[in-house]
Amino acid sequence: MKKIGVLILYKDRPTELYSLLWSLRNQTYNNLKIYISDDASGTPIENYHFLVCLINKLKEEGILLIYNKNPFPFGVS
């Protein structure tokens, strides 16, 4: 089974990110590799307990999740 990559561009919208990750978790195709590119958010993802719990759950379920935070904003992708 092929692994599918999903790129998520993120900046300061933790509730929307949670909703998107939850939706990806519930897909029937679960051989995913998720990349989150944070465009220099003001508050780190680690400060949102609900997001950390979901990310840990995804990792436990075998979904590869790669997080990258840019030190400076690059603007609209």
Protein backbone atom coordinates (compact mmCIF):
# COMPACT_ATOMS: atom_id res chain seq x y z
CA MET A 1 0.00 0.00 0.00
CA LYS A 2 1.39 3.40 -0.98
CA LYS A 3 1.99 6.10 1.59
CA ILE A 4 0.17 9.38 0.92
CA GLY A 5 1.72 12.71 1.94
CA VAL A 6 -0.43 15.58 3.18
CA LEU A 7 1.07 19.07 3.53
CA ILE A 8 -0.65 21.41 5.98
CA LEU A 9 0.32 25.08 5.98
CA TYR A 10 -0.43 26.49 9.42
CA LYS A 11 -0.35 29.80 11.28
CA ASP A 12 -2.17 30.63 14.53
CA ARG A 13 -5.34 28.59 13.90
CA PRO A 14 -5.19 25.72 16.40
CA THR A 15 -8.90 24.88 16.31
CA GLU A 16 -8.90 24.54 12.53
CA LEU A 17 -5.71 22.45 12.63
CA TYR A 18 -7.32 20.15 15.20
CA SER A 19 -10.39 19.75 13.01
CA LEU A 20 -8.27 18.94 9.96
CA LEU A 21 -6.11 16.41 11.81
CA TRP A 22 -9.23 14.77 13.28
CA SER A 23 -10.70 14.51 9.80
CA LEU A 24 -7.51 12.92 8.45
CA ARG A 25 -7.50 10.47 11.35
CA ASN A 26 -11.00 9.31 10.41
CA GLN A 27 -10.22 8.65 6.75
CA THR A 28 -10.55 5.07 5.54
CA TYR A 29 -7.07 5.31 3.96
CA ASN A 30 -4.74 5.55 6.93
CA ASN A 31 -1.28 5.05 5.42
CA LEU A 32 -0.53 8.77 5.75
CA LYS A 33 2.50 10.96 6.20
CA ILE A 34 1.42 14.39 7.47
CA TYR A 35 3.69 17.42 7.18
CA ILE A 36 2.79 20.54 9.18
CA SER A 37 4.62 23.69 8.14
CA ASP A 38 4.14 26.41 10.78
CA ASP A 39 4.68 29.91 9.39
CA ALA A 40 6.11 31.47 12.60
CA SER A 41 2.97 31.25 14.76
CA GLY A 42 2.81 33.47 17.81
CA THR A 43 1.89 30.62 20.16
CA PRO A 44 3.64 27.27 19.72
CA ILE A 45 1.54 24.18 19.05
CA GLU A 46 2.98 22.65 22.25
CA ASN A 47 0.94 25.17 24.28
CA TYR A 48 -2.36 23.72 23.03
CA HIS A 49 -3.01 20.60 25.10
CA PHE A 50 -5.86 19.41 22.86
CA LEU A 51 -3.56 19.49 19.80
CA VAL A 52 -0.71 17.71 21.57
CA CYS A 53 -3.08 14.92 22.68
CA LEU A 54 -4.38 14.41 19.12
CA ILE A 55 -0.88 14.48 17.61
CA ASN A 56 0.27 11.85 20.12
CA LYS A 57 -2.79 9.73 19.29
CA LEU A 58 -1.98 9.94 15.56
CA LYS A 59 1.58 8.84 16.22
CA GLU A 60 0.36 5.91 18.35
CA GLU A 61 -1.85 4.83 15.46
CA GLY A 62 1.17 4.72 13.13
CA ILE A 63 0.57 7.92 11.20
CA LEU A 64 3.88 9.65 10.51
CA LEU A 65 3.69 13.33 11.47
CA ILE A 66 6.49 15.77 10.69
CA TYR A 67 6.35 19.28 12.18
CA ASN A 68 8.48 22.21 11.03
CA LYS A 69 8.30 25.74 12.46
CA ASN A 70 9.77 28.54 10.39
CA PRO A 71 11.57 31.15 12.52
CA PHE A 72 10.33 34.02 10.33
CA PRO A 73 7.02 34.36 8.48
CA PHE A 74 7.20 33.73 4.75
CA GLY A 75 3.68 34.99 4.07
CA VAL A 76 1.09 33.45 1.82
CA SER A 77 2.27 30.12 0.48
